[in-house]
Amino acid sequence: MAGKNTDWIAVEGAYRAGIDSLRTIGQKYGVSEAMIRKKARQQGWARDPASTKRAIVNTHMAVGAQGGTQEGAQCALETIRTAAHDDIADMERGLRVHRLCLAALEKAAEGTTEPKEIKIITEAASLAVAGIRKIRGLDTPTPADAKDIDAAIEAELAQLERSRQAGVAAEAEGAE
């Protein structure tokens, strides 16, 4: 089923992203599930979204030397650029929200003498500061943080793939 024209870079990217089933990937690229499994085992591919971006970039950089197709690598590169842009915008938005919360908590703290309110304000302020420190990368990440980041990357990749597929479907309908 697999031929010389199989875009193995795109297959690898889809496999590593872990969004689609092997059957779906195989149908999309004209490759059997067994062949994908065999290639993944031979080349050490892992369905690990945390390392997917790095692997796709490395593959993209090596494509020129190997003479492979640029289409799959270009799609992956664009996905990475979009995800990075969105991540930056989200982090900036998160910082603004945390800082607004701190300012509001400061005003609230000035006018209260009730112990329960003081406790709530200080706990909320601590959470806001912790959020800012985490966003800014001022604290050493814990294994739990890494799992959160992995989950966020996985969700972002899934969303980007759904958006891309919706765009391809819309283009196909417009072409008919």
C-alpha atoms as a PDB file:
ATOM      1  CA  MET A   1       0.000   0.000   0.000  1.00  0.00           C
ATOM      2  CA  ALA A   2       2.864   2.404   0.768  1.00  0.00           C
ATOM      3  CA  GLY A   3       4.641   3.753  -2.251  1.00  0.00           C
ATOM      4  CA  LYS A   4       7.581   5.953  -3.094  1.00  0.00           C
ATOM      5  CA  ASN A   5       5.324   9.014  -2.836  1.00  0.00           C
ATOM      6  CA  THR A   6       4.395   8.465   0.809  1.00  0.00           C
ATOM      7  CA  ASP A   7       5.060  11.611   2.829  1.00  0.00           C
ATOM      8  CA  TRP A   8       6.706   9.920   5.799  1.00  0.00           C
ATOM      9  CA  ILE A   9       7.485  13.257   7.442  1.00  0.00           C
ATOM     10  CA  ALA A  10       3.776  14.076   7.605  1.00  0.00           C
ATOM     11  CA  VAL A  11       2.957  10.526   8.745  1.00  0.00           C
ATOM     12  CA  GLU A  12       5.556  10.811  11.498  1.00  0.00           C
ATOM     13  CA  GLY A  13       4.184  14.191  12.595  1.00  0.00           C
ATOM     14  CA  ALA A  14       0.621  12.855  12.736  1.00  0.00           C
ATOM     15  CA  TYR A  15       1.770   9.731  14.582  1.00  0.00           C
ATOM     16  CA  ARG A  16       3.783  11.663  17.154  1.00  0.00           C
ATOM     17  CA  ALA A  17       0.995  14.187  17.712  1.00  0.00           C
ATOM     18  CA  GLY A  18      -1.242  11.326  18.826  1.00  0.00           C
ATOM     19  CA  ILE A  19      -4.398  13.119  17.699  1.00  0.00           C
ATOM     20  CA  ASP A  20      -5.651  10.703  15.061  1.00  0.00           C
ATOM     21  CA  SER A  21      -5.880   6.933  15.171  1.00  0.00           C
ATOM     22  CA  LEU A  22      -3.413   4.918  13.124  1.00  0.00           C
ATOM     23  CA  ARG A  23      -6.278   3.934  10.833  1.00  0.00           C
ATOM     24  CA  THR A  24      -7.098   7.592  10.155  1.00  0.00           C
ATOM     25  CA  ILE A  25      -3.447   8.459   9.558  1.00  0.00           C
ATOM     26  CA  GLY A  26      -3.072   5.464   7.259  1.00  0.00           C
ATOM     27  CA  GLN A  27      -6.131   6.395   5.210  1.00  0.00           C
ATOM     28  CA  LYS A  28      -4.991  10.005   4.945  1.00  0.00           C
ATOM     29  CA  TYR A  29      -1.521   9.122   3.636  1.00  0.00           C
ATOM     30  CA  GLY A  30      -2.261   5.843   1.835  1.00  0.00           C
ATOM     31  CA  VAL A  31      -0.337   3.630   4.253  1.00  0.00           C
ATOM     32  CA  SER A  32      -1.462   0.590   6.231  1.00  0.00           C
ATOM     33  CA  GLU A  33      -1.633   0.686  10.018  1.00  0.00           C
ATOM     34  CA  ALA A  34       0.880  -2.155  10.151  1.00  0.00           C
ATOM     35  CA  MET A  35       3.348  -0.203   8.013  1.00  0.00           C
ATOM     36  CA  ILE A  36       2.997   2.831  10.296  1.00  0.00           C
ATOM     37  CA  ARG A  37       3.637   0.666  13.358  1.00  0.00           C
ATOM     38  CA  LYS A  38       6.646  -0.962  11.660  1.00  0.00           C
ATOM     39  CA  LYS A  39       8.140   2.393  10.633  1.00  0.00           C
ATOM     40  CA  ALA A  40       7.502   3.842  14.105  1.00  0.00           C
ATOM     41  CA  ARG A  41       9.231   0.894  15.745  1.00  0.00           C
ATOM     42  CA  GLN A  42      12.176   1.011  13.302  1.00  0.00           C
ATOM     43  CA  GLN A  43      12.721   4.745  13.669  1.00  0.00           C
ATOM     44  CA  GLY A  44      11.843   5.060  17.348  1.00  0.00           C
ATOM     45  CA  TRP A  45       8.801   7.315  16.964  1.00  0.00           C
ATOM     46  CA  ALA A  46       6.865   7.924  20.170  1.00  0.00           C
ATOM     47  CA  ARG A  47       3.335   9.240  20.508  1.00  0.00           C
ATOM     48  CA  ASP A  48       4.496  11.976  22.831  1.00  0.00           C
ATOM     49  CA  PRO A  49       3.035  15.432  22.112  1.00  0.00           C
ATOM     50  CA  ALA A  50       5.570  17.118  24.384  1.00  0.00           C
ATOM     51  CA  SER A  51       8.431  16.181  22.057  1.00  0.00           C
ATOM     52  CA  THR A  52       6.450  16.320  18.828  1.00  0.00           C
ATOM     53  CA  LYS A  53       7.246  19.942  18.046  1.00  0.00           C
ATOM     54  CA  ARG A  54      10.979  19.382  18.530  1.00  0.00           C
ATOM     55  CA  ALA A  55      10.973  16.234  16.404  1.00  0.00           C
ATOM     56  CA  ILE A  56       9.051  17.879  13.570  1.00  0.00           C
ATOM     57  CA  VAL A  57      11.406  20.849  13.531  1.00  0.00           C
ATOM     58  CA  ASN A  58      14.433  18.532  13.505  1.00  0.00           C
ATOM     59  CA  THR A  59      12.882  16.512  10.692  1.00  0.00           C
ATOM     60  CA  HIS A  60      12.103  19.682   8.757  1.00  0.00           C
ATOM     61  CA  MET A  61      15.692  20.841   9.039  1.00  0.00           C
ATOM     62  CA  ALA A  62      16.943  17.460   7.801  1.00  0.00           C
ATOM     63  CA  VAL A  63      14.528  17.285   4.843  1.00  0.00           C
ATOM     64  CA  GLY A  64      16.743  19.400   2.594  1.00  0.00           C
ATOM     65  CA  ALA A  65      19.674  17.066   3.079  1.00  0.00           C
ATOM     66  CA  GLN A  66      17.521  13.967   2.500  1.00  0.00           C
ATOM     67  CA  GLY A  67      15.733  15.345  -0.550  1.00  0.00           C
ATOM     68  CA  GLY A  68      12.310  14.583   0.976  1.00  0.00           C
ATOM     69  CA  THR A  69       9.072  16.436   0.439  1.00  0.00           C
ATOM     70  CA  GLN A  70       8.623  19.836   1.982  1.00  0.00           C
ATOM     71  CA  GLU A  71       4.818  19.731   2.125  1.00  0.00           C
ATOM     72  CA  GLY A  72       4.488  17.799   5.390  1.00  0.00           C
ATOM     73  CA  ALA A  73       7.341  19.650   7.042  1.00  0.00           C
ATOM     74  CA  GLN A  74       5.972  23.027   5.906  1.00  0.00           C
ATOM     75  CA  CYS A  75       2.532  22.204   7.340  1.00  0.00           C
ATOM     76  CA  ALA A  76       4.150  21.163  10.624  1.00  0.00           C
ATOM     77  CA  LEU A  77       6.271  24.317  10.720  1.00  0.00           C
ATOM     78  CA  GLU A  78       3.214  26.518  10.177  1.00  0.00           C
ATOM     79  CA  THR A  79       1.370  24.659  12.931  1.00  0.00           C
ATOM     80  CA  ILE A  80       4.282  25.259  15.297  1.00  0.00           C
ATOM     81  CA  ARG A  81       4.422  28.970  14.415  1.00  0.00           C
ATOM     82  CA  THR A  82       0.698  29.363  14.998  1.00  0.00           C
ATOM     83  CA  ALA A  83       0.863  27.480  18.298  1.00  0.00           C
ATOM     84  CA  ALA A  84       3.810  29.566  19.485  1.00  0.00           C
ATOM     85  CA  HIS A  85       2.024  32.813  18.579  1.00  0.00           C
ATOM     86  CA  ASP A  86      -1.123  31.670  20.412  1.00  0.00           C
ATOM     87  CA  ASP A  87       0.923  30.585  23.442  1.00  0.00           C
ATOM     88  CA  ILE A  88       2.589  33.991  23.660  1.00  0.00           C
ATOM     89  CA  ALA A  89      -0.744  35.808  23.406  1.00  0.00           C
ATOM     90  CA  ASP A  90      -2.256  33.548  26.088  1.00  0.00           C
ATOM     91  CA  MET A  91       0.683  34.109  28.424  1.00  0.00           C
ATOM     92  CA  GLU A  92       0.458  37.876  28.006  1.00  0.00           C
ATOM     93  CA  ARG A  93      -3.291  37.734  28.643  1.00  0.00           C
ATOM     94  CA  GLY A  94      -2.731  35.576  31.730  1.00  0.00           C
ATOM     95  CA  LEU A  95      -0.185  38.037  33.098  1.00  0.00           C
ATOM     96  CA  ARG A  96      -2.602  40.944  32.600  1.00  0.00           C
ATOM     97  CA  VAL A  97      -5.403  39.070  34.389  1.00  0.00           C
ATOM     98  CA  HIS A  98      -3.184  38.091  37.322  1.00  0.00           C
ATOM     99  CA  ARG A  99      -1.922  41.656  37.663  1.00  0.00           C
ATOM    100  CA  LEU A 100      -5.460  43.077  37.542  1.00  0.00           C
ATOM    101  CA  CYS A 101      -6.450  40.625  40.267  1.00  0.00           C
ATOM    102  CA  LEU A 102      -3.509  41.722  42.415  1.00  0.00           C
ATOM    103  CA  ALA A 103      -4.477  45.387  42.014  1.00  0.00           C
ATOM    104  CA  ALA A 104      -8.099  44.661  42.946  1.00  0.00           C
ATOM    105  CA  LEU A 105      -6.997  42.578  45.935  1.00  0.00           C
ATOM    106  CA  GLU A 106      -4.743  45.396  47.104  1.00  0.00           C
ATOM    107  CA  LYS A 107      -7.674  47.825  47.074  1.00  0.00           C
ATOM    108  CA  ALA A 108      -9.866  45.306  48.887  1.00  0.00           C
ATOM    109  CA  ALA A 109      -7.194  44.713  51.535  1.00  0.00           C
ATOM    110  CA  GLU A 110      -6.967  48.434  52.338  1.00  0.00           C
ATOM    111  CA  GLY A 111     -10.591  48.584  53.444  1.00  0.00           C
ATOM    112  CA  THR A 112     -11.020  45.370  55.424  1.00  0.00           C
ATOM    113  CA  THR A 113     -10.415  44.422  59.028  1.00  0.00           C
ATOM    114  CA  GLU A 114     -12.420  41.183  59.040  1.00  0.00           C
ATOM    115  CA  PRO A 115     -10.042  38.200  59.616  1.00  0.00           C
ATOM    116  CA  LYS A 116     -11.891  35.901  57.178  1.00  0.00           C
ATOM    117  CA  GLU A 117     -11.741  38.503  54.404  1.00  0.00           C
ATOM    118  CA  ILE A 118      -8.054  39.161  55.098  1.00  0.00           C
ATOM    119  CA  LYS A 119      -7.346  35.440  54.844  1.00  0.00           C
ATOM    120  CA  ILE A 120      -9.228  35.138  51.529  1.00  0.00           C
ATOM    121  CA  ILE A 121      -7.460  38.193  50.108  1.00  0.00           C
ATOM    122  CA  THR A 122      -3.998  36.961  51.091  1.00  0.00           C
ATOM    123  CA  GLU A 123      -4.656  33.479  49.700  1.00  0.00           C
ATOM    124  CA  ALA A 124      -5.945  34.930  46.442  1.00  0.00           C
ATOM    125  CA  ALA A 125      -2.940  37.259  46.230  1.00  0.00           C
ATOM    126  CA  SER A 126      -0.587  34.318  46.784  1.00  0.00           C
ATOM    127  CA  LEU A 127      -2.274  32.421  43.957  1.00  0.00           C
ATOM    128  CA  ALA A 128      -2.021  35.443  41.649  1.00  0.00           C
ATOM    129  CA  VAL A 129       1.686  35.880  42.424  1.00  0.00           C
ATOM    130  CA  ALA A 130       2.295  32.145  41.947  1.00  0.00           C
ATOM    131  CA  GLY A 131       0.503  32.338  38.591  1.00  0.00           C
ATOM    132  CA  ILE A 132       2.658  35.255  37.487  1.00  0.00           C
ATOM    133  CA  ARG A 133       5.849  33.486  38.584  1.00  0.00           C
ATOM    134  CA  LYS A 134       4.812  30.344  36.711  1.00  0.00           C
ATOM    135  CA  ILE A 135       3.950  32.230  33.524  1.00  0.00           C
ATOM    136  CA  ARG A 136       7.203  34.186  33.661  1.00  0.00           C
ATOM    137  CA  GLY A 137       9.190  31.002  34.327  1.00  0.00           C
ATOM    138  CA  LEU A 138      10.624  32.300  37.589  1.00  0.00           C
ATOM    139  CA  ASP A 139      10.170  29.017  39.438  1.00  0.00           C
ATOM    140  CA  THR A 140      11.645  25.628  38.649  1.00  0.00           C
ATOM    141  CA  PRO A 141       8.886  23.504  37.132  1.00  0.00           C
ATOM    142  CA  THR A 142       7.796  20.403  39.000  1.00  0.00           C
ATOM    143  CA  PRO A 143       6.807  17.070  37.396  1.00  0.00           C
ATOM    144  CA  ALA A 144       3.164  18.090  37.906  1.00  0.00           C
ATOM    145  CA  ASP A 145       3.830  21.293  35.935  1.00  0.00           C
ATOM    146  CA  ALA A 146       5.347  19.224  33.127  1.00  0.00           C
ATOM    147  CA  LYS A 147       2.179  17.107  32.954  1.00  0.00           C
ATOM    148  CA  ASP A 148       0.083  20.300  32.764  1.00  0.00           C
ATOM    149  CA  ILE A 149       2.272  21.600  29.946  1.00  0.00           C
ATOM    150  CA  ASP A 150       2.087  18.269  28.110  1.00  0.00           C
ATOM    151  CA  ALA A 151      -1.697  18.284  28.387  1.00  0.00           C
ATOM    152  CA  ALA A 152      -1.868  21.877  27.150  1.00  0.00           C
ATOM    153  CA  ILE A 153       0.378  21.095  24.182  1.00  0.00           C
ATOM    154  CA  GLU A 154      -1.661  18.017  23.366  1.00  0.00           C
ATOM    155  CA  ALA A 155      -4.904  20.017  23.496  1.00  0.00           C
ATOM    156  CA  GLU A 156      -3.399  22.796  21.347  1.00  0.00           C
ATOM    157  CA  LEU A 157      -2.189  20.306  18.734  1.00  0.00           C
ATOM    158  CA  ALA A 158      -5.619  18.664  18.662  1.00  0.00           C
ATOM    159  CA  GLN A 159      -7.314  22.051  18.217  1.00  0.00           C
ATOM    160  CA  LEU A 160      -4.900  23.039  15.442  1.00  0.00           C
ATOM    161  CA  GLU A 161      -5.492  19.754  13.640  1.00  0.00           C
ATOM    162  CA  ARG A 162      -9.285  20.197  13.891  1.00  0.00           C
ATOM    163  CA  SER A 163      -8.944  23.746  12.547  1.00  0.00           C
ATOM    164  CA  ARG A 164      -6.728  22.568   9.715  1.00  0.00           C
ATOM    165  CA  GLN A 165      -9.130  19.774   8.804  1.00  0.00           C
ATOM    166  CA  ALA A 166     -12.068  22.179   8.892  1.00  0.00           C
ATOM    167  CA  GLY A 167     -10.148  24.515   6.561  1.00  0.00           C
ATOM    168  CA  VAL A 168      -9.321  21.689   4.156  1.00  0.00           C
ATOM    169  CA  ALA A 169     -12.969  20.560   4.158  1.00  0.00           C
ATOM    170  CA  ALA A 170     -14.169  24.122   3.477  1.00  0.00           C
ATOM    171  CA  GLU A 171     -11.670  24.499   0.607  1.00  0.00           C
ATOM    172  CA  ALA A 172     -12.807  21.183  -0.882  1.00  0.00           C
ATOM    173  CA  GLU A 173     -16.457  22.283  -0.775  1.00  0.00           C
ATOM    174  CA  GLY A 174     -15.575  25.604  -2.407  1.00  0.00           C
ATOM    175  CA  ALA A 175     -13.668  23.855  -5.199  1.00  0.00           C
ATOM    176  CA  GLU A 176     -16.673  21.763  -6.248  1.00  0.00           C
END
